[in-house]
Amino acid sequence: MISVVVPIYNVEKYLPRALDSILNQTHKDWEAILVDDGSTDNSGNIADEYAKNDHRFKVIHKPNGGRSDARNAGMKHIRGEFLIFLDADDFLHPQLMALCLEAIMRDNSDIVAFTYDRAYRTHNIIRHFLGLPDSTPHYKFYVNPKYIVTDNIFDYATEHSHPKDIDKRWAIKHCQVWRCMYKTYAVSNIEFIKNIDYEDFPWWSEALLRIKRCTILNLPLYFYYPNPRSYILSANQEHKAESIRKGIEASKLIYSNAPAEKKQAWEQHFLKPFEQKLKQKEDKL
């Protein structure tokens, strides 16, 4: 029922943890599309070994093209009714699939939004600074979690860290594509722009226009690891600035014919923050 797309590039240290978090899901009807994006370490072999031991893992080996290209390649092979993205240095809460599947089917939503464990990420940033090993995550298991359902995701989605006029418990903050489960048909033909950072921004901007109903779970179901060698943290400022500029241009084109109310909400809650981010990057050049 669920497809997981995992772009992989030189993450041999973290990949087993990510793939084990898929194996350890309480929901078992899934496939994982592992896209080895030209790794030069042992990542490709690790992916092959998991596929050898469990047929639900499918491996694609391709020349290096960046995370967007890897995700696009993976999405061409998905068969699931629902879709999740997982970055290979991160990992999932064991109940992520089960809780999201229950919600998306119960509410007939196009997506289920959740959040990431901020305490885990913050603790590890501090531990890395102090030269300490990673902390061990402690999973809390959830029964009958609270949620809300909306037919206007623009009322809740924002790039602002501290959104105004939105109950912070239910704000869908930031545009990382891994923070939701999607109905595949709603987003499968949206491509990520290649060779840019912040590729989530234009992709998510288009996805927002496709979503008719959204369920929001205020649960930390994703573990976002602060990997200093990740795509975004290792890129230089000039490339980051150019990426934001291209993302803004592409997103403006997407919203050129959008309904006025949705366009206004998107400009306020996503375009404006990214324009401010672009200015900050340009000032550093």
Protein backbone atom coordinates (compact mmCIF):
# COMPACT_ATOMS: atom_id res chain seq x y z
CA MET A 1 0.00 0.00 0.00
CA ILE A 2 2.86 2.38 0.79
CA SER A 3 5.91 3.28 -1.30
CA VAL A 4 8.99 4.83 0.31
CA VAL A 5 11.46 6.67 -1.93
CA VAL A 6 14.98 6.84 -0.48
CA PRO A 7 17.69 8.82 -2.34
CA ILE A 8 21.14 7.49 -1.39
CA TYR A 9 24.54 9.08 -1.81
CA ASN A 10 27.60 8.19 0.28
CA VAL A 11 25.72 7.48 3.51
CA GLU A 12 27.15 4.09 4.46
CA LYS A 13 27.40 5.20 8.09
CA TYR A 14 23.68 5.99 8.37
CA LEU A 15 21.94 3.87 5.73
CA PRO A 16 21.42 0.69 7.81
CA ARG A 17 19.64 2.73 10.48
CA ALA A 18 17.33 4.29 7.87
CA LEU A 19 16.50 0.95 6.24
CA ASP A 20 16.03 -0.76 9.60
CA SER A 21 13.49 1.92 10.49
CA ILE A 22 11.49 0.84 7.43
CA LEU A 23 11.81 -2.83 8.36
CA ASN A 24 10.67 -2.07 11.91
CA GLN A 25 7.41 -0.42 10.87
CA THR A 26 4.37 -1.86 12.59
CA HIS A 27 2.63 -1.69 9.20
CA LYS A 28 4.15 -4.29 6.88
CA ASP A 29 2.58 -3.69 3.44
CA TRP A 30 5.21 -1.44 1.88
CA GLU A 31 7.89 -1.22 -0.78
CA ALA A 32 11.05 0.84 -0.51
CA ILE A 33 12.66 2.24 -3.67
CA LEU A 34 16.34 2.71 -2.87
CA VAL A 35 18.02 4.99 -5.40
CA ASP A 36 21.80 4.72 -5.28
CA ASP A 37 22.80 8.04 -6.83
CA GLY A 38 26.30 7.08 -7.91
CA SER A 39 27.68 6.48 -4.42
CA THR A 40 31.43 6.00 -4.20
CA ASP A 41 31.36 4.37 -0.75
CA ASN A 42 29.67 1.13 0.32
CA SER A 43 26.11 2.54 0.22
CA GLY A 44 25.13 0.74 -2.98
CA ASN A 45 26.29 -2.62 -1.62
CA ILE A 46 24.37 -2.07 1.61
CA ALA A 47 21.21 -1.33 -0.39
CA ASP A 48 21.73 -4.48 -2.48
CA GLU A 49 22.16 -6.58 0.66
CA TYR A 50 18.86 -5.38 2.11
CA ALA A 51 17.12 -6.10 -1.20
CA LYS A 52 18.66 -9.57 -1.26
CA ASN A 53 17.23 -10.32 2.18
CA ASP A 54 13.80 -8.72 1.70
CA HIS A 55 12.00 -8.44 -1.63
CA ARG A 56 10.17 -5.29 -0.52
CA PHE A 57 13.39 -3.34 -1.09
CA LYS A 58 14.01 -2.40 -4.72
CA VAL A 59 17.38 -0.90 -5.71
CA ILE A 60 18.10 1.47 -8.59
CA HIS A 61 21.76 2.21 -9.37
CA LYS A 62 22.30 5.36 -11.43
CA PRO A 63 25.04 7.91 -12.16
CA ASN A 64 25.22 10.79 -9.72
CA GLY A 65 22.64 13.46 -10.49
CA GLY A 66 21.78 14.92 -7.10
CA ARG A 67 18.94 14.35 -4.69
CA SER A 68 16.24 15.76 -6.99
CA ASP A 69 17.28 13.47 -9.82
CA ALA A 70 17.35 10.49 -7.45
CA ARG A 71 13.86 11.21 -6.14
CA ASN A 72 12.53 11.64 -9.68
CA ALA A 73 14.06 8.31 -10.66
CA GLY A 74 12.53 6.59 -7.64
CA MET A 75 9.06 8.01 -8.25
CA LYS A 76 8.99 6.42 -11.70
CA HIS A 77 8.99 2.99 -10.04
CA ILE A 78 6.51 3.38 -7.19
CA ARG A 79 3.47 1.09 -7.09
CA GLY A 80 1.96 2.05 -3.76
CA GLU A 81 -1.31 3.89 -3.28
CA PHE A 82 0.48 6.13 -0.79
CA LEU A 83 3.93 7.72 -0.82
CA ILE A 84 6.56 8.65 1.78
CA PHE A 85 9.99 10.20 1.30
CA LEU A 86 12.92 9.28 3.53
CA ASP A 87 16.39 10.81 3.34
CA ALA A 88 19.01 8.13 3.88
CA ASP A 89 20.68 9.78 6.88
CA ASP A 90 17.34 10.10 8.71
CA PHE A 91 14.96 7.46 10.04
CA LEU A 92 11.29 6.82 10.82
CA HIS A 93 9.25 6.30 13.97
CA PRO A 94 8.03 2.66 13.98
CA GLN A 95 4.37 3.76 13.85
CA LEU A 96 4.70 6.34 11.09
CA MET A 97 3.13 4.22 8.36
CA ALA A 98 0.39 2.77 10.55
CA LEU A 99 -0.73 6.09 12.03
CA CYS A 100 -0.64 7.94 8.72
CA LEU A 101 -2.41 5.16 6.86
CA GLU A 102 -5.18 5.07 9.46
CA ALA A 103 -5.63 8.83 9.20
CA ILE A 104 -5.49 9.16 5.43
CA MET A 105 -8.06 6.39 4.92
CA ARG A 106 -10.32 7.50 7.77
CA ASP A 107 -10.47 11.12 6.58
CA ASN A 108 -10.14 10.50 2.81
CA SER A 109 -7.30 13.02 2.83
CA ASP A 110 -4.77 13.66 0.09
CA ILE A 111 -1.96 13.96 2.62
CA VAL A 112 -1.23 13.42 6.30
CA ALA A 113 1.22 15.90 7.79
CA PHE A 114 3.33 15.19 10.86
CA THR A 115 6.44 16.72 12.42
CA TYR A 116 9.96 15.62 13.28
CA ASP A 117 11.50 15.01 16.68
CA ARG A 118 13.06 18.40 17.38
CA ALA A 119 14.56 17.28 20.70
CA TYR A 120 16.51 14.47 19.02
CA ARG A 121 17.95 16.79 16.37
CA THR A 122 18.82 19.54 18.87
CA HIS A 123 20.47 17.09 21.28
CA ASN A 124 22.67 15.72 18.51
CA ILE A 125 23.69 19.16 17.25
CA ILE A 126 24.89 19.95 20.79
CA ARG A 127 26.56 16.55 21.20
CA HIS A 128 28.39 16.95 17.87
CA PHE A 129 29.63 20.38 18.98
CA LEU A 130 30.94 18.84 22.20
CA GLY A 131 32.51 15.88 20.40
CA LEU A 132 30.12 13.37 21.97
CA PRO A 133 28.53 10.33 20.25
CA ASP A 134 24.96 10.44 18.96
CA SER A 135 22.10 10.13 21.41
CA THR A 136 19.80 7.12 21.26
CA PRO A 137 16.19 7.89 20.30
CA HIS A 138 13.45 6.86 22.67
CA TYR A 139 10.22 5.96 20.91
CA LYS A 140 6.90 6.84 22.45
CA PHE A 141 4.04 4.73 21.12
CA TYR A 142 0.77 6.47 20.37
CA VAL A 143 -2.84 5.37 20.79
CA ASN A 144 -5.76 7.43 19.45
CA PRO A 145 -3.69 10.57 18.78
CA LYS A 146 -5.39 13.94 18.41
CA TYR A 147 -5.65 15.38 14.92
CA ILE A 148 -7.43 17.94 12.78
CA VAL A 149 -8.76 17.72 9.24
CA THR A 150 -8.90 20.69 6.88
CA ASP A 151 -10.12 21.27 3.34
CA ASN A 152 -7.81 24.29 3.03
CA ILE A 153 -4.19 23.43 3.75
CA PHE A 154 -3.22 27.05 3.05
CA ASP A 155 -4.72 27.94 6.42
CA TYR A 156 -2.02 25.87 8.15
CA ALA A 157 1.03 25.56 5.87
CA THR A 158 3.86 28.05 6.37
CA GLU A 159 7.61 28.49 6.05
CA HIS A 160 7.67 30.84 9.04
CA SER A 161 9.26 29.29 12.12
CA HIS A 162 6.82 31.10 14.42
CA PRO A 163 3.62 31.41 12.39
CA LYS A 164 1.13 34.09 13.29
CA ASP A 165 -2.61 33.47 13.28
CA ILE A 166 -2.05 29.69 13.31
CA ASP A 167 -2.31 27.37 16.29
CA LYS A 168 1.32 26.23 16.60
CA ARG A 169 0.21 22.73 17.50
CA TRP A 170 -1.26 22.27 14.02
CA ALA A 171 0.97 24.44 11.82
CA ILE A 172 2.61 22.55 8.95
CA LYS A 173 5.90 24.40 9.30
CA HIS A 174 8.46 24.36 6.47
CA CYS A 175 8.28 22.58 3.16
CA GLN A 176 10.36 19.43 3.65
CA VAL A 177 8.74 16.76 1.49
CA TRP A 178 9.49 14.03 4.05
CA ARG A 179 7.09 15.49 6.60
CA CYS A 180 3.96 14.01 4.98
CA MET A 181 2.38 10.86 3.61
CA TYR A 182 0.77 11.55 0.23
CA LYS A 183 -1.82 9.90 -1.93
CA THR A 184 0.37 8.90 -4.84
CA TYR A 185 -2.01 10.09 -7.55
CA ALA A 186 -1.97 13.63 -6.14
CA VAL A 187 1.79 14.20 -6.47
CA SER A 188 3.32 11.46 -8.63
CA ASN A 189 3.72 13.65 -11.72
CA ILE A 190 5.35 16.57 -9.90
CA GLU A 191 9.08 16.54 -10.64
CA PHE A 192 11.84 17.90 -8.46
CA ILE A 193 14.01 20.54 -10.13
CA LYS A 194 17.46 19.07 -10.74
CA ASN A 195 20.77 20.51 -9.56
CA ILE A 196 19.39 22.87 -6.93
CA ASP A 197 19.27 22.91 -3.14
CA TYR A 198 15.96 23.70 -1.40
CA GLU A 199 14.26 21.64 -4.11
CA ASP A 200 11.47 20.94 -1.63
CA PHE A 201 10.21 24.52 -1.99
CA PRO A 202 8.98 24.49 -5.63
CA TRP A 203 7.85 20.85 -5.33
CA TRP A 204 5.82 21.56 -2.21
CA SER A 205 4.45 24.78 -3.71
CA GLU A 206 2.95 22.78 -6.57
CA ALA A 207 1.77 20.00 -4.27
CA LEU A 208 -0.19 22.52 -2.19
CA LEU A 209 -2.35 23.30 -5.22
CA ARG A 210 -3.16 19.60 -5.70
CA ILE A 211 -4.28 18.95 -2.12
CA LYS A 212 -7.99 19.04 -1.42
CA ARG A 213 -8.03 17.62 2.11
CA CYS A 214 -5.29 17.34 4.71
CA THR A 215 -5.05 15.58 8.06
CA ILE A 216 -2.56 17.03 10.55
CA LEU A 217 -1.04 14.86 13.27
CA ASN A 218 0.92 16.79 15.87
CA LEU A 219 3.30 13.85 16.35
CA PRO A 220 7.13 13.63 15.95
CA LEU A 221 7.17 10.67 13.55
CA TYR A 222 10.37 11.53 11.66
CA PHE A 223 13.94 11.72 12.98
CA TYR A 224 15.89 14.39 11.13
CA TYR A 225 19.61 13.80 11.65
CA PRO A 226 22.04 16.77 11.50
CA ASN A 227 24.53 15.23 9.07
CA PRO A 228 27.25 17.83 8.29
CA ARG A 229 27.92 16.11 4.95
CA SER A 230 24.29 16.22 3.81
CA TYR A 231 23.34 17.84 0.50
CA ILE A 232 22.13 21.08 2.04
CA LEU A 233 24.71 21.52 4.82
CA SER A 234 27.70 20.86 2.57
CA ALA A 235 26.70 23.21 -0.30
CA ASN A 236 28.39 26.59 -0.71
CA GLN A 237 26.56 29.90 -0.24
CA GLU A 238 26.66 30.84 -3.91
CA HIS A 239 25.01 27.60 -4.95
CA LYS A 240 22.43 27.96 -2.19
CA ALA A 241 21.55 31.48 -3.34
CA GLU A 242 21.24 30.42 -6.98
CA SER A 243 19.08 27.46 -5.92
CA ILE A 244 16.66 29.67 -4.01
CA ARG A 245 16.50 32.06 -6.97
CA LYS A 246 15.61 29.24 -9.37
CA GLY A 247 13.08 27.84 -6.91
CA ILE A 248 11.39 31.22 -6.58
CA GLU A 249 11.21 31.66 -10.36
CA ALA A 250 9.73 28.19 -10.87
CA SER A 251 7.22 28.61 -8.04
CA LYS A 252 6.06 32.01 -9.27
CA LEU A 253 5.32 30.42 -12.64
CA ILE A 254 3.32 27.65 -10.92
CA TYR A 255 1.21 30.25 -9.09
CA SER A 256 0.76 32.63 -12.01
CA ASN A 257 -2.72 31.18 -12.69
CA ALA A 258 -3.56 29.99 -9.17
CA PRO A 259 -6.78 31.11 -7.45
CA ALA A 260 -6.25 34.55 -5.90
CA GLU A 261 -6.83 33.42 -2.30
CA LYS A 262 -4.36 30.54 -2.56
CA LYS A 263 -1.82 32.68 -4.37
CA GLN A 264 -2.00 35.36 -1.69
CA ALA A 265 -1.58 32.81 1.11
CA TRP A 266 1.37 31.18 -0.65
CA GLU A 267 3.07 34.52 -1.28
CA GLN A 268 2.72 35.50 2.38
CA HIS A 269 3.68 32.20 3.98
CA PHE A 270 6.22 30.76 1.51
CA LEU A 271 7.39 33.22 -1.15
CA LYS A 272 8.12 36.05 1.29
CA PRO A 273 10.25 33.89 3.66
CA PHE A 274 12.25 32.49 0.74
CA GLU A 275 12.83 35.96 -0.69
CA GLN A 276 14.15 36.98 2.72
CA LYS A 277 16.34 33.87 2.80
CA LEU A 278 17.67 34.72 -0.67
CA LYS A 279 18.61 38.22 0.45
CA GLN A 280 20.45 36.80 3.47
CA LYS A 281 22.43 34.43 1.22
CA GLU A 282 23.26 37.22 -1.27
CA ASP A 283 24.44 39.52 1.52
CA LYS A 284 26.99 36.86 2.51
CA LEU A 285 28.46 36.57 -0.98
